[in-house]
N, C-alpha and C. Protein backbone atom coordinates (compact mmCIF):
# COMPACT_ATOMS: atom_id res chain seq x y z
N MET A 1 -8.64 -18.40 30.92
CA MET A 1 -8.87 -18.23 29.49
C MET A 1 -7.57 -17.80 28.83
N PRO A 2 -7.08 -18.54 27.82
CA PRO A 2 -5.82 -18.19 27.17
C PRO A 2 -5.97 -16.92 26.33
N SER A 3 -4.93 -16.12 26.33
CA SER A 3 -4.97 -14.90 25.51
C SER A 3 -4.51 -15.24 24.09
N ILE A 4 -5.11 -14.58 23.14
CA ILE A 4 -4.76 -14.79 21.74
C ILE A 4 -3.83 -13.68 21.32
N HIS A 5 -2.73 -14.07 20.74
CA HIS A 5 -1.74 -13.10 20.28
C HIS A 5 -1.62 -13.21 18.76
N TYR A 6 -2.05 -12.18 18.06
CA TYR A 6 -1.97 -12.18 16.60
C TYR A 6 -0.62 -11.65 16.15
N GLY A 7 -0.18 -12.08 14.99
CA GLY A 7 1.09 -11.61 14.46
C GLY A 7 2.25 -12.48 14.90
N ASP A 8 1.95 -13.57 15.58
CA ASP A 8 2.99 -14.48 16.02
C ASP A 8 3.60 -15.16 14.80
N ASN A 9 4.89 -15.40 14.85
CA ASN A 9 5.57 -16.03 13.71
C ASN A 9 5.05 -17.43 13.43
N MET A 10 4.47 -18.07 14.42
CA MET A 10 3.96 -19.42 14.21
C MET A 10 2.69 -19.43 13.35
N THR A 11 1.93 -18.34 13.39
CA THR A 11 0.69 -18.29 12.63
C THR A 11 0.80 -17.43 11.39
N LYS A 12 1.87 -16.72 11.26
CA LYS A 12 2.03 -15.79 10.15
C LYS A 12 2.36 -16.55 8.86
N LYS A 13 1.57 -16.30 7.83
CA LYS A 13 1.83 -16.91 6.53
C LYS A 13 2.82 -16.05 5.77
N THR A 14 3.78 -16.67 5.15
CA THR A 14 4.73 -15.92 4.33
C THR A 14 4.40 -16.18 2.87
N ARG A 15 4.51 -15.13 2.08
CA ARG A 15 4.25 -15.27 0.66
C ARG A 15 5.48 -15.86 -0.02
N PRO A 16 5.27 -16.72 -1.00
CA PRO A 16 6.43 -17.28 -1.71
C PRO A 16 7.13 -16.19 -2.52
N ARG A 17 8.42 -16.32 -2.64
CA ARG A 17 9.21 -15.38 -3.44
C ARG A 17 9.65 -16.10 -4.70
N PHE A 18 9.46 -15.45 -5.83
CA PHE A 18 9.84 -16.03 -7.11
C PHE A 18 10.94 -15.18 -7.72
N ASN A 19 11.97 -15.83 -8.25
CA ASN A 19 13.05 -15.06 -8.84
C ASN A 19 12.63 -14.51 -10.20
N PRO A 20 13.28 -13.45 -10.65
CA PRO A 20 12.89 -12.81 -11.92
C PRO A 20 12.96 -13.75 -13.12
N GLU A 21 13.92 -14.68 -13.10
CA GLU A 21 14.06 -15.60 -14.23
C GLU A 21 12.82 -16.48 -14.37
N LEU A 22 12.29 -16.97 -13.25
CA LEU A 22 11.08 -17.79 -13.28
C LEU A 22 9.89 -16.97 -13.78
N LYS A 23 9.81 -15.72 -13.34
CA LYS A 23 8.72 -14.86 -13.78
C LYS A 23 8.75 -14.66 -15.29
N VAL A 24 9.93 -14.37 -15.82
CA VAL A 24 10.07 -14.14 -17.26
C VAL A 24 9.79 -15.42 -18.03
N GLU A 25 10.37 -16.53 -17.57
CA GLU A 25 10.17 -17.81 -18.25
C GLU A 25 8.69 -18.19 -18.29
N SER A 26 8.00 -18.02 -17.17
CA SER A 26 6.58 -18.35 -17.11
C SER A 26 5.76 -17.45 -18.03
N ALA A 27 6.05 -16.16 -17.98
CA ALA A 27 5.31 -15.21 -18.83
C ALA A 27 5.58 -15.46 -20.31
N GLN A 28 6.81 -15.86 -20.63
CA GLN A 28 7.14 -16.14 -22.03
C GLN A 28 6.40 -17.37 -22.55
N LEU A 29 6.14 -18.33 -21.68
CA LEU A 29 5.36 -19.49 -22.11
C LEU A 29 3.96 -19.07 -22.56
N VAL A 30 3.41 -18.08 -21.87
CA VAL A 30 2.08 -17.58 -22.23
C VAL A 30 2.15 -16.73 -23.49
N LEU A 31 3.09 -15.78 -23.50
CA LEU A 31 3.17 -14.84 -24.62
C LEU A 31 3.77 -15.46 -25.88
N GLY A 32 4.85 -16.20 -25.71
CA GLY A 32 5.58 -16.70 -26.87
C GLY A 32 5.12 -18.06 -27.37
N GLN A 33 4.71 -18.92 -26.47
CA GLN A 33 4.37 -20.29 -26.85
C GLN A 33 2.87 -20.50 -26.98
N GLY A 34 2.08 -19.55 -26.51
CA GLY A 34 0.64 -19.64 -26.66
C GLY A 34 -0.07 -20.51 -25.64
N TYR A 35 0.63 -20.88 -24.57
CA TYR A 35 -0.03 -21.65 -23.52
C TYR A 35 -0.98 -20.75 -22.74
N SER A 36 -1.99 -21.34 -22.12
CA SER A 36 -2.93 -20.54 -21.33
C SER A 36 -2.29 -20.21 -19.98
N VAL A 37 -2.75 -19.12 -19.40
CA VAL A 37 -2.26 -18.71 -18.08
C VAL A 37 -2.54 -19.80 -17.05
N ARG A 38 -3.70 -20.41 -17.16
CA ARG A 38 -4.09 -21.46 -16.21
C ARG A 38 -3.14 -22.66 -16.28
N LYS A 39 -2.84 -23.13 -17.51
CA LYS A 39 -1.97 -24.31 -17.68
C LYS A 39 -0.55 -24.02 -17.19
N VAL A 40 -0.01 -22.85 -17.54
CA VAL A 40 1.34 -22.50 -17.10
C VAL A 40 1.37 -22.34 -15.58
N GLY A 41 0.35 -21.70 -15.03
CA GLY A 41 0.27 -21.53 -13.58
C GLY A 41 0.28 -22.84 -12.84
N GLU A 42 -0.51 -23.80 -13.34
CA GLU A 42 -0.55 -25.12 -12.71
C GLU A 42 0.80 -25.82 -12.82
N ALA A 43 1.42 -25.74 -13.99
CA ALA A 43 2.70 -26.41 -14.21
C ALA A 43 3.82 -25.80 -13.37
N MET A 44 3.78 -24.49 -13.17
CA MET A 44 4.85 -23.81 -12.44
C MET A 44 4.53 -23.63 -10.95
N GLY A 45 3.33 -23.98 -10.56
CA GLY A 45 2.96 -23.83 -9.16
C GLY A 45 2.73 -22.38 -8.76
N VAL A 46 2.16 -21.63 -9.68
CA VAL A 46 1.92 -20.20 -9.48
C VAL A 46 0.43 -19.93 -9.66
N GLY A 47 -0.11 -19.04 -8.86
CA GLY A 47 -1.51 -18.68 -8.99
C GLY A 47 -1.79 -17.97 -10.31
N VAL A 48 -3.02 -18.12 -10.77
CA VAL A 48 -3.41 -17.53 -12.05
C VAL A 48 -3.28 -16.02 -12.04
N SER A 49 -3.73 -15.37 -10.97
CA SER A 49 -3.67 -13.91 -10.92
C SER A 49 -2.22 -13.42 -10.85
N THR A 50 -1.38 -14.18 -10.16
CA THR A 50 0.04 -13.81 -10.08
C THR A 50 0.69 -13.90 -11.45
N LEU A 51 0.45 -15.01 -12.14
CA LEU A 51 1.02 -15.20 -13.46
C LEU A 51 0.48 -14.17 -14.45
N ASP A 52 -0.79 -13.86 -14.35
CA ASP A 52 -1.38 -12.85 -15.23
C ASP A 52 -0.69 -11.50 -15.03
N LYS A 53 -0.37 -11.19 -13.79
CA LYS A 53 0.34 -9.94 -13.48
C LYS A 53 1.73 -9.95 -14.12
N TRP A 54 2.41 -11.08 -14.05
CA TRP A 54 3.74 -11.19 -14.67
C TRP A 54 3.66 -11.03 -16.17
N VAL A 55 2.63 -11.59 -16.79
CA VAL A 55 2.46 -11.49 -18.24
C VAL A 55 2.25 -10.03 -18.64
N ARG A 56 1.38 -9.34 -17.90
CA ARG A 56 1.14 -7.91 -18.21
C ARG A 56 2.41 -7.09 -18.00
N LYS A 57 3.17 -7.40 -16.95
CA LYS A 57 4.40 -6.68 -16.65
C LYS A 57 5.44 -6.92 -17.74
N LEU A 58 5.58 -8.16 -18.20
CA LEU A 58 6.54 -8.47 -19.26
C LEU A 58 6.16 -7.75 -20.55
N LYS A 59 4.88 -7.74 -20.89
CA LYS A 59 4.43 -7.00 -22.08
C LYS A 59 4.82 -5.53 -21.98
N SER A 60 4.56 -4.94 -20.82
CA SER A 60 4.87 -3.52 -20.62
C SER A 60 6.37 -3.26 -20.72
N GLU A 61 7.16 -4.09 -20.05
CA GLU A 61 8.61 -3.89 -20.07
C GLU A 61 9.19 -4.09 -21.46
N ARG A 62 8.66 -5.05 -22.19
CA ARG A 62 9.12 -5.24 -23.58
C ARG A 62 8.78 -4.05 -24.43
N GLY A 63 7.70 -3.36 -24.09
CA GLY A 63 7.30 -2.16 -24.82
C GLY A 63 8.05 -0.92 -24.37
N GLY A 64 8.97 -1.09 -23.40
CA GLY A 64 9.77 0.03 -22.94
C GLY A 64 9.12 0.87 -21.86
N GLU A 65 7.97 0.44 -21.36
CA GLU A 65 7.27 1.19 -20.33
C GLU A 65 7.89 0.92 -18.96
N LEU A 66 7.88 1.94 -18.12
CA LEU A 66 8.29 1.76 -16.73
C LEU A 66 7.13 1.14 -15.98
N THR A 67 7.42 0.16 -15.14
CA THR A 67 6.37 -0.51 -14.40
C THR A 67 6.58 -0.31 -12.91
N ILE A 68 5.53 -0.55 -12.15
CA ILE A 68 5.60 -0.44 -10.70
C ILE A 68 6.26 -1.68 -10.15
N GLY A 69 7.07 -1.52 -9.12
CA GLY A 69 7.72 -2.67 -8.50
C GLY A 69 9.05 -3.00 -9.17
N LYS A 70 9.61 -4.10 -8.73
CA LYS A 70 10.89 -4.52 -9.28
C LYS A 70 10.72 -5.01 -10.71
N PRO A 71 11.63 -4.59 -11.60
CA PRO A 71 11.55 -5.06 -12.98
C PRO A 71 11.88 -6.55 -13.06
N ILE A 72 11.33 -7.22 -14.07
CA ILE A 72 11.58 -8.65 -14.20
C ILE A 72 12.51 -8.98 -15.36
N THR A 73 12.56 -8.14 -16.39
CA THR A 73 13.46 -8.44 -17.50
C THR A 73 14.87 -7.98 -17.17
N GLU A 74 15.85 -8.65 -17.74
CA GLU A 74 17.25 -8.33 -17.48
C GLU A 74 17.56 -6.88 -17.85
N GLU A 75 17.04 -6.43 -18.99
CA GLU A 75 17.32 -5.06 -19.44
C GLU A 75 16.76 -4.04 -18.45
N GLN A 76 15.54 -4.26 -18.00
CA GLN A 76 14.93 -3.30 -17.06
C GLN A 76 15.63 -3.33 -15.70
N ARG A 77 16.10 -4.52 -15.27
CA ARG A 77 16.86 -4.59 -14.01
C ARG A 77 18.16 -3.82 -14.13
N GLU A 78 18.82 -3.93 -15.29
CA GLU A 78 20.06 -3.21 -15.52
C GLU A 78 19.81 -1.70 -15.55
N ILE A 79 18.76 -1.27 -16.21
CA ILE A 79 18.41 0.15 -16.25
C ILE A 79 18.15 0.66 -14.84
N SER A 80 17.44 -0.11 -14.05
CA SER A 80 17.15 0.28 -12.67
C SER A 80 18.43 0.43 -11.85
N ALA A 81 19.35 -0.52 -12.01
CA ALA A 81 20.62 -0.46 -11.28
C ALA A 81 21.43 0.76 -11.71
N LEU A 82 21.43 1.05 -13.01
CA LEU A 82 22.16 2.22 -13.51
C LEU A 82 21.56 3.52 -12.99
N LYS A 83 20.24 3.58 -12.92
CA LYS A 83 19.58 4.78 -12.38
C LYS A 83 19.97 5.00 -10.92
N LYS A 84 20.01 3.92 -10.15
CA LYS A 84 20.42 4.03 -8.74
C LYS A 84 21.86 4.54 -8.63
N ARG A 85 22.72 4.03 -9.52
CA ARG A 85 24.12 4.45 -9.50
C ARG A 85 24.25 5.93 -9.86
N VAL A 86 23.52 6.38 -10.87
CA VAL A 86 23.56 7.79 -11.26
C VAL A 86 23.09 8.66 -10.11
N LYS A 87 22.03 8.24 -9.44
CA LYS A 87 21.50 9.03 -8.32
C LYS A 87 22.54 9.13 -7.21
N ARG A 88 23.20 8.01 -6.90
CA ARG A 88 24.22 8.01 -5.85
C ARG A 88 25.39 8.93 -6.25
N LEU A 89 25.82 8.88 -7.50
CA LEU A 89 26.91 9.73 -7.97
C LEU A 89 26.53 11.21 -7.94
N GLU A 90 25.28 11.52 -8.25
CA GLU A 90 24.83 12.91 -8.18
C GLU A 90 24.85 13.42 -6.74
N ILE A 91 24.48 12.56 -5.80
CA ILE A 91 24.52 12.95 -4.38
C ILE A 91 25.96 13.18 -3.94
N GLU A 92 26.87 12.28 -4.35
CA GLU A 92 28.28 12.44 -4.01
C GLU A 92 28.83 13.74 -4.60
N LYS A 93 28.43 14.06 -5.82
CA LYS A 93 28.89 15.28 -6.48
C LYS A 93 28.43 16.51 -5.70
N GLU A 94 27.17 16.50 -5.24
CA GLU A 94 26.67 17.63 -4.45
C GLU A 94 27.42 17.77 -3.13
N ILE A 95 27.74 16.66 -2.52
CA ILE A 95 28.50 16.71 -1.27
C ILE A 95 29.87 17.30 -1.51
N LEU A 96 30.52 16.89 -2.59
CA LEU A 96 31.86 17.41 -2.90
C LEU A 96 31.83 18.90 -3.23
N LYS A 97 30.74 19.37 -3.85
CA LYS A 97 30.60 20.79 -4.17
C LYS A 97 30.57 21.63 -2.89
N ARG A 98 29.99 21.09 -1.85
CA ARG A 98 29.80 21.83 -0.59
C ARG A 98 31.06 21.87 0.26
N LEU A 99 32.04 21.03 -0.04
CA LEU A 99 33.27 21.01 0.74
C LEU A 99 34.09 22.26 0.43
N PRO A 100 34.67 22.85 1.45
CA PRO A 100 35.51 24.04 1.19
C PRO A 100 36.81 23.63 0.49
N LEU A 101 37.26 24.48 -0.42
CA LEU A 101 38.52 24.23 -1.11
C LEU A 101 39.66 24.55 -0.19
N SER A 102 40.68 23.72 -0.17
CA SER A 102 41.82 24.01 0.71
C SER A 102 43.04 24.43 -0.03
């Protein structure tokens, strides 16, 4: 009797990855052009629930709200990168404070 091994790379489904530009463009078609989520999803090859999530995320980010996960708008991605840089600089500053003066 053959043994079944789960988690094998041959049977593992990978989720598609969409770049932020596609997410924003798709969501803008719904918000700005008035197309339905279903029509845009079919045209872009994206599931309805996925596209609906992008639309809600774009609305929130445009409103200046922080959202869960990676930001999709250019401004929010830049803010996120700047926050990471500030955090890294603060850590470096603390390390330098602890060094003895020579």
